[in-house]
Amino acid sequence: MGTYLRRQRGRLGAPKAISATAHKLARVVYALMHHGVGYVKQSQEAFAEHTRAKV
């Protein structure tokens, strides 16, 4: 979430980035509760690799 916040802050400015990150967090929590699964934290390395692959 921190990386997402920093990217959005660069694009949107701080207030909108905070709102966007809160909305994303709310969607994640809702999906976890709705589907009844546990949260699996992704490592920084895995996230960076996934981002590089998308680019």
C-alpha atoms as a PDB file:
ATOM      1  CA  MET A   1       0.000   0.000   0.000  1.00  0.00           C
ATOM      2  CA  GLY A   2       2.896   2.330   0.696  1.00  0.00           C
ATOM      3  CA  THR A   3       4.204   2.037  -2.840  1.00  0.00           C
ATOM      4  CA  TYR A   4       0.718   2.635  -4.210  1.00  0.00           C
ATOM      5  CA  LEU A   5       0.332   5.732  -2.030  1.00  0.00           C
ATOM      6  CA  ARG A   6       3.647   7.178  -3.171  1.00  0.00           C
ATOM      7  CA  ARG A   7       2.817   6.597  -6.854  1.00  0.00           C
ATOM      8  CA  GLN A   8      -0.605   8.196  -6.477  1.00  0.00           C
ATOM      9  CA  ARG A   9       0.800  11.122  -4.500  1.00  0.00           C
ATOM     10  CA  GLY A  10       3.107  11.889  -7.402  1.00  0.00           C
ATOM     11  CA  ARG A  11       0.218  11.793  -9.864  1.00  0.00           C
ATOM     12  CA  LEU A  12      -2.705  13.212  -7.883  1.00  0.00           C
ATOM     13  CA  GLY A  13      -1.312  15.161  -4.947  1.00  0.00           C
ATOM     14  CA  ALA A  14      -1.415  14.200  -1.278  1.00  0.00           C
ATOM     15  CA  PRO A  15      -5.130  14.603  -0.378  1.00  0.00           C
ATOM     16  CA  LYS A  16      -6.458  12.622  -3.348  1.00  0.00           C
ATOM     17  CA  ALA A  17      -3.746  10.003  -2.973  1.00  0.00           C
ATOM     18  CA  ILE A  18      -4.746   9.384   0.644  1.00  0.00           C
ATOM     19  CA  SER A  19      -8.390   8.998  -0.380  1.00  0.00           C
ATOM     20  CA  ALA A  20      -7.471   6.651  -3.231  1.00  0.00           C
ATOM     21  CA  THR A  21      -5.334   4.507  -0.922  1.00  0.00           C
ATOM     22  CA  ALA A  22      -8.090   4.363   1.706  1.00  0.00           C
ATOM     23  CA  HIS A  23     -10.546   3.278  -0.981  1.00  0.00           C
ATOM     24  CA  LYS A  24      -8.164   0.579  -2.200  1.00  0.00           C
ATOM     25  CA  LEU A  25      -7.672  -0.657   1.373  1.00  0.00           C
ATOM     26  CA  ALA A  26     -11.445  -0.767   1.897  1.00  0.00           C
ATOM     27  CA  ARG A  27     -11.860  -2.823  -1.292  1.00  0.00           C
ATOM     28  CA  VAL A  28      -9.157  -5.262  -0.152  1.00  0.00           C
ATOM     29  CA  VAL A  29     -10.754  -5.692   3.286  1.00  0.00           C
ATOM     30  CA  TYR A  30     -14.193  -6.177   1.748  1.00  0.00           C
ATOM     31  CA  ALA A  31     -12.882  -8.796  -0.688  1.00  0.00           C
ATOM     32  CA  LEU A  32     -11.100 -10.656   2.117  1.00  0.00           C
ATOM     33  CA  MET A  33     -14.241 -10.685   4.254  1.00  0.00           C
ATOM     34  CA  HIS A  34     -16.548 -11.541   1.348  1.00  0.00           C
ATOM     35  CA  HIS A  35     -14.478 -14.484   0.120  1.00  0.00           C
ATOM     36  CA  GLY A  36     -13.339 -15.605   3.567  1.00  0.00           C
ATOM     37  CA  VAL A  37      -9.650 -15.901   2.744  1.00  0.00           C
ATOM     38  CA  GLY A  38      -6.581 -14.733   4.640  1.00  0.00           C
ATOM     39  CA  TYR A  39      -4.324 -11.879   3.569  1.00  0.00           C
ATOM     40  CA  VAL A  40      -1.014 -12.974   2.067  1.00  0.00           C
ATOM     41  CA  LYS A  41       1.609 -10.243   2.217  1.00  0.00           C
ATOM     42  CA  GLN A  42       3.671  -9.930  -0.947  1.00  0.00           C
ATOM     43  CA  SER A  43       7.392  -9.270  -0.553  1.00  0.00           C
ATOM     44  CA  GLN A  44       9.029  -6.147  -2.002  1.00  0.00           C
ATOM     45  CA  GLU A  45      11.075  -8.283  -4.381  1.00  0.00           C
ATOM     46  CA  ALA A  46       8.032 -10.109  -5.705  1.00  0.00           C
ATOM     47  CA  PHE A  47       6.166  -6.824  -6.163  1.00  0.00           C
ATOM     48  CA  ALA A  48       9.117  -5.263  -8.010  1.00  0.00           C
ATOM     49  CA  GLU A  49       9.427  -8.315 -10.260  1.00  0.00           C
ATOM     50  CA  HIS A  50       5.703  -8.238 -11.032  1.00  0.00           C
ATOM     51  CA  THR A  51       5.891  -4.520 -11.845  1.00  0.00           C
ATOM     52  CA  ARG A  52       8.894  -5.029 -14.138  1.00  0.00           C
ATOM     53  CA  ALA A  53       7.079  -7.845 -15.927  1.00  0.00           C
ATOM     54  CA  LYS A  54       4.060  -5.607 -16.546  1.00  0.00           C
ATOM     55  CA  VAL A  55       6.259  -2.870 -18.012  1.00  0.00           C
END
